[in-house]
Protein backbone atom coordinates (compact mmCIF):
# COMPACT_ATOMS: atom_id res chain seq x y z
CA UNK A 1 -126.15 -48.63 178.94
CA UNK A 2 -129.87 -48.15 178.25
CA UNK A 3 -130.98 -48.02 174.61
CA UNK A 4 -130.90 -44.70 172.80
CA UNK A 5 -134.60 -45.10 172.04
CA UNK A 6 -137.13 -47.37 173.71
CA UNK A 7 -140.59 -46.78 172.24
CA UNK A 8 -143.51 -48.96 173.32
CA UNK A 9 -147.10 -48.84 172.12
CA UNK A 10 -146.76 -45.33 170.70
CA UNK A 11 -149.99 -43.97 169.26
CA UNK A 12 -150.89 -40.51 168.06
CA UNK A 13 -154.36 -39.39 166.97
CA UNK A 14 -154.55 -35.85 165.68
CA UNK A 15 -157.60 -34.05 167.00
CA UNK A 16 -160.93 -35.15 168.34
CA UNK A 17 -163.93 -32.91 167.78
CA UNK A 18 -166.27 -34.83 170.06
CA UNK A 19 -167.88 -32.58 172.60
CA UNK A 20 -166.46 -29.41 171.09
CA UNK A 21 -169.73 -28.34 169.49
CA UNK A 22 -168.35 -27.99 165.96
CA UNK A 23 -167.73 -30.01 162.84
CA UNK A 24 -164.37 -31.83 162.72
CA UNK A 25 -161.70 -30.66 160.34
CA UNK A 26 -160.09 -32.95 157.76
CA UNK A 27 -157.19 -33.74 160.13
CA UNK A 28 -159.19 -34.40 163.27
CA UNK A 29 -159.46 -38.01 164.32
CA UNK A 30 -156.58 -38.99 162.03
CA UNK A 31 -154.38 -41.76 163.44
CA UNK A 32 -150.75 -41.07 162.50
CA UNK A 33 -149.15 -43.79 164.66
CA UNK A 34 -150.76 -47.00 165.91
CA UNK A 35 -149.17 -48.99 168.72
CA UNK A 36 -145.66 -48.56 167.37
CA UNK A 37 -142.74 -50.31 169.09
CA UNK A 38 -139.15 -49.35 168.31
CA UNK A 39 -135.89 -50.17 170.08
CA UNK A 40 -132.66 -48.50 168.94
CA UNK A 41 -129.42 -49.38 170.69
CA UNK A 42 -126.94 -46.72 171.80
CA UNK A 43 -124.34 -46.09 169.12
CA UNK A 44 -126.52 -47.34 166.26
CA UNK A 45 -126.85 -45.75 162.82
CA UNK A 46 -130.54 -46.31 162.20
CA UNK A 47 -132.57 -45.42 159.12
CA UNK A 48 -136.32 -44.80 159.01
CA UNK A 49 -137.88 -44.97 155.54
CA UNK A 50 -141.43 -44.45 154.40
CA UNK A 51 -143.60 -42.34 152.09
CA UNK A 52 -144.99 -38.93 152.95
CA UNK A 53 -147.72 -39.36 155.55
CA UNK A 54 -146.33 -42.66 156.86
CA UNK A 55 -145.73 -41.21 160.34
CA UNK A 56 -141.99 -40.44 160.28
CA UNK A 57 -142.31 -36.78 161.26
CA UNK A 58 -144.91 -37.61 163.92
CA UNK A 59 -142.54 -40.20 165.39
CA UNK A 60 -139.68 -37.70 165.49
CA UNK A 61 -141.93 -35.04 167.00
CA UNK A 62 -143.03 -37.47 169.70
CA UNK A 63 -139.45 -38.42 170.57
CA UNK A 64 -138.50 -34.74 170.82
CA UNK A 65 -141.63 -33.91 172.87
CA UNK A 66 -142.88 -31.49 170.21
CA UNK A 67 -146.34 -33.07 170.24
CA UNK A 68 -148.49 -34.67 172.91
CA UNK A 69 -148.73 -38.42 172.36
CA UNK A 70 -152.07 -40.22 172.62
CA UNK A 71 -150.75 -43.42 174.17
CA UNK A 72 -147.54 -45.30 174.80
CA UNK A 73 -144.14 -44.68 176.32
CA UNK A 74 -140.99 -43.10 174.88
CA UNK A 75 -137.62 -43.17 176.65
CA UNK A 76 -134.35 -41.63 175.52
CA UNK A 77 -131.32 -43.32 177.10
CA UNK A 78 -133.68 -44.39 179.87
CA UNK A 79 -135.13 -40.91 180.46
CA UNK A 80 -138.83 -40.10 179.84
CA UNK A 81 -139.07 -38.25 176.54
CA UNK A 82 -140.88 -35.29 178.09
CA UNK A 83 -138.15 -34.65 180.66
CA UNK A 84 -135.53 -31.93 180.39
CA UNK A 85 -132.81 -34.59 180.72
CA UNK A 86 -134.09 -36.39 177.61
CA UNK A 87 -134.37 -33.19 175.60
CA UNK A 88 -130.75 -32.32 176.32
CA UNK A 89 -129.69 -35.70 174.96
CA UNK A 90 -131.27 -35.06 171.54
CA UNK A 91 -130.10 -32.92 168.64
CA UNK A 92 -132.64 -32.42 165.86
CA UNK A 93 -131.83 -31.27 162.34
CA UNK A 94 -135.25 -30.70 160.83
CA UNK A 95 -136.37 -31.11 157.26
CA UNK A 96 -137.82 -27.61 157.05
CA UNK A 97 -135.37 -24.72 157.26
CA UNK A 98 -136.62 -23.00 160.42
CA UNK A 99 -133.76 -20.59 161.10
CA UNK A 100 -134.48 -17.24 162.74
CA UNK A 101 -134.26 -14.71 159.92
CA UNK A 102 -133.05 -11.98 162.28
CA UNK A 103 -130.05 -13.90 163.64
CA UNK A 104 -126.71 -14.35 161.94
CA UNK A 105 -124.81 -17.64 161.93
CA UNK A 106 -122.85 -16.99 165.13
CA UNK A 107 -125.92 -15.71 167.00
CA UNK A 108 -127.96 -18.74 165.89
CA UNK A 109 -125.44 -21.08 167.46
CA UNK A 110 -124.94 -19.02 170.62
CA UNK A 111 -128.69 -18.68 171.25
CA UNK A 112 -129.09 -22.43 170.81
CA UNK A 113 -126.26 -23.09 173.26
CA UNK A 114 -127.84 -20.76 175.79
CA UNK A 115 -131.17 -22.53 175.43
CA UNK A 116 -129.46 -25.76 176.47
CA UNK A 117 -127.73 -24.19 179.46
CA UNK A 118 -124.22 -23.79 178.05
CA UNK A 119 -122.23 -21.03 179.75
CA UNK A 120 -121.01 -18.16 177.59
CA UNK A 121 -117.38 -19.22 177.21
CA UNK A 122 -118.25 -22.83 176.40
CA UNK A 123 -120.90 -21.73 173.91
CA UNK A 124 -118.45 -19.42 172.15
CA UNK A 125 -115.84 -22.17 171.88
CA UNK A 126 -118.35 -24.67 170.60
CA UNK A 127 -119.80 -22.17 168.11
CA UNK A 128 -116.32 -21.51 166.69
CA UNK A 129 -115.74 -25.25 166.42
CA UNK A 130 -119.05 -25.83 164.61
CA UNK A 131 -118.43 -22.96 162.20
CA UNK A 132 -115.02 -24.37 161.36
CA UNK A 133 -116.32 -27.92 160.91
CA UNK A 134 -119.11 -26.84 158.57
CA UNK A 135 -117.12 -24.16 156.75
CA UNK A 136 -119.31 -21.35 158.10
CA UNK A 137 -116.62 -19.16 159.66
CA UNK A 138 -116.63 -16.79 156.68
CA UNK A 139 -120.41 -16.36 157.10
CA UNK A 140 -120.42 -15.85 160.88
CA UNK A 141 -122.01 -12.40 160.64
CA UNK A 142 -124.47 -13.22 157.84
CA UNK A 143 -128.17 -13.59 158.60
CA UNK A 144 -129.97 -16.77 157.57
CA UNK A 145 -132.01 -15.31 154.65
CA UNK A 146 -128.78 -14.27 152.91
CA UNK A 147 -127.22 -17.72 153.10
CA UNK A 148 -127.34 -20.13 150.17
CA UNK A 149 -129.50 -23.25 150.48
CA UNK A 150 -126.44 -25.38 151.13
CA UNK A 151 -125.17 -23.03 153.83
CA UNK A 152 -128.55 -23.13 155.55
CA UNK A 153 -128.39 -26.93 155.60
CA UNK A 154 -124.92 -26.76 157.14
CA UNK A 155 -126.19 -24.34 159.79
CA UNK A 156 -129.14 -26.56 160.64
CA UNK A 157 -126.80 -29.47 161.31
CA UNK A 158 -124.32 -27.27 163.21
CA UNK A 159 -127.16 -26.01 165.40
CA UNK A 160 -128.39 -29.55 166.09
CA UNK A 161 -124.90 -30.56 167.24
CA UNK A 162 -124.13 -27.39 169.18
CA UNK A 163 -124.98 -28.83 172.63
CA UNK A 164 -123.16 -32.15 171.94
CA UNK A 165 -126.19 -34.48 172.02
CA UNK A 166 -125.84 -38.26 172.31
CA UNK A 167 -128.72 -38.88 169.89
CA UNK A 168 -128.81 -36.92 166.63
CA UNK A 169 -131.99 -37.05 164.56
CA UNK A 170 -131.52 -36.09 160.92
CA UNK A 171 -134.80 -35.49 159.11
CA UNK A 172 -134.05 -35.34 155.38
CA UNK A 173 -130.63 -33.71 156.00
CA UNK A 174 -129.58 -33.66 152.34
CA UNK A 175 -132.89 -32.66 150.77
CA UNK A 176 -132.37 -30.27 147.83
CA UNK A 177 -128.59 -30.02 148.25
CA UNK A 178 -126.10 -30.62 145.48
CA UNK A 179 -124.14 -33.85 145.13
CA UNK A 180 -120.84 -32.43 146.44
CA UNK A 181 -122.44 -31.10 149.63
CA UNK A 182 -124.28 -34.40 150.12
CA UNK A 183 -120.99 -36.29 150.05
CA UNK A 184 -119.45 -33.76 152.44
CA UNK A 185 -122.33 -34.15 154.90
CA UNK A 186 -122.08 -37.94 154.60
CA UNK A 187 -118.41 -37.78 155.60
CA UNK A 188 -119.14 -35.69 158.67
CA UNK A 189 -122.12 -37.81 159.72
CA UNK A 190 -119.98 -40.95 159.45
CA UNK A 191 -117.30 -39.33 161.58
CA UNK A 192 -119.88 -38.31 164.15
CA UNK A 193 -121.18 -41.86 164.33
CA UNK A 194 -117.65 -43.20 164.58
CA UNK A 195 -117.18 -41.10 167.72
CA UNK A 196 -120.09 -42.93 169.37
CA UNK A 197 -123.08 -40.71 168.60
CA UNK A 198 -126.34 -42.50 167.88
CA UNK A 199 -127.85 -41.41 164.56
CA UNK A 200 -131.50 -41.66 163.48
CA UNK A 201 -131.87 -40.77 159.80
CA UNK A 202 -134.99 -40.27 157.71
CA UNK A 203 -134.54 -39.86 153.98
CA UNK A 204 -136.27 -40.37 150.65
CA UNK A 205 -132.91 -41.15 149.04
CA UNK A 206 -132.73 -44.92 149.36
CA UNK A 207 -129.10 -45.00 148.28
CA UNK A 208 -128.34 -42.66 151.19
CA UNK A 209 -129.90 -45.06 153.69
CA UNK A 210 -128.13 -48.02 152.14
CA UNK A 211 -124.80 -46.21 152.16
CA UNK A 212 -124.97 -44.93 155.73
CA UNK A 213 -127.27 -47.05 157.89
CA UNK A 214 -126.44 -50.31 159.64
CA UNK A 215 -130.13 -51.04 160.10
CA UNK A 216 -133.27 -49.75 158.40
CA UNK A 217 -136.92 -49.77 159.43
CA UNK A 218 -139.77 -49.34 156.95
CA UNK A 219 -142.87 -47.50 158.16
CA UNK A 220 -146.25 -47.46 156.46
CA UNK A 221 -149.56 -45.99 157.69
CA UNK A 222 -148.20 -45.41 161.18
CA UNK A 223 -146.81 -48.92 161.67
CA UNK A 224 -143.42 -50.54 161.20
CA UNK A 225 -143.65 -53.23 158.54
CA UNK A 226 -140.05 -54.42 158.38
CA UNK A 227 -136.68 -53.92 160.01
CA UNK A 228 -133.26 -55.24 159.04
CA UNK A 229 -130.07 -54.37 157.22
CA UNK A 230 -130.40 -53.34 153.57
CA UNK A 231 -129.24 -56.82 152.59
CA UNK A 232 -131.78 -58.44 154.91
CA UNK A 233 -134.63 -56.36 153.51
CA UNK A 234 -133.69 -57.29 149.95
CA UNK A 235 -133.73 -60.96 150.94
CA UNK A 236 -137.01 -60.72 152.85
CA UNK A 237 -138.83 -59.18 149.88
CA UNK A 238 -137.12 -61.25 147.21
CA UNK A 239 -135.62 -58.09 145.74
CA UNK A 240 -132.33 -57.35 144.05
CA UNK A 241 -132.20 -53.71 145.23
CA UNK A 242 -133.33 -51.79 148.30
CA UNK A 243 -135.56 -49.68 146.07
CA UNK A 244 -137.35 -52.80 144.87
CA UNK A 245 -137.78 -54.04 148.44
CA UNK A 246 -139.13 -50.64 149.48
CA UNK A 247 -141.67 -50.55 146.65
CA UNK A 248 -142.90 -54.02 147.54
CA UNK A 249 -143.17 -53.14 151.23
CA UNK A 250 -145.22 -50.05 150.45
CA UNK A 251 -147.38 -51.82 147.88
CA UNK A 252 -149.65 -53.53 150.35
CA UNK A 253 -148.20 -57.04 150.42
CA UNK A 254 -148.16 -59.02 153.64
CA UNK A 255 -145.89 -57.59 156.30
CA UNK A 256 -142.71 -59.49 156.97
CA UNK A 257 -141.75 -60.44 160.50
CA UNK A 258 -139.18 -58.35 162.28
CA UNK A 259 -135.79 -59.71 161.31
CA UNK A 260 -133.56 -58.02 163.83
């Protein structure tokens, strides 16, 4: 089986004002990713950690073909990332709550299923299943703006899983949710992984990455600086906790070699 993700030499420069006859904006010419290589095996539970601006969202956007890359190659289970086949293999639960305010819970799921080519009967069955799994059945006819923050998070994850993707990308899935809901989402994500789904998780909660991920990569200024298990990262940075290892990695010390 090909790897879930095979990324080689990925670079992304935002904007280039040369030849446009105007002054560049503050974001133009900014390099978000620089020659990044990343290989994630099928079935892995992989964490991606880094500060704001490190390039995590750009990397996710590139994998999902939401931005045009500057250089490099991205393949999803062997398929070019900009192909329809690759897009159907990915489910993305985004950090920002981007639900359509005019659609209720059921309609959100059905529209998403239709976008991915699911026939009506299959989409209805899958929508019922997702609403049951995420305890949304009682809110099926409620529009997104009237849902609580926790319910919106549940719906984002349900929508990402609606078309049964083989790679699920979770971008800050438990941001701003209460502790009970976080534990509930952890249980479901573990179950999903146990069924063979590849998970790519970004989070600012280091204990979340340590609890869930088999392997973790640290990204800084558009480049990977370390990759290993939580235990391996602690050892590599002479740290007693993952938090300590993370702080040292982001503090400008020499990069460690890849350990995986």
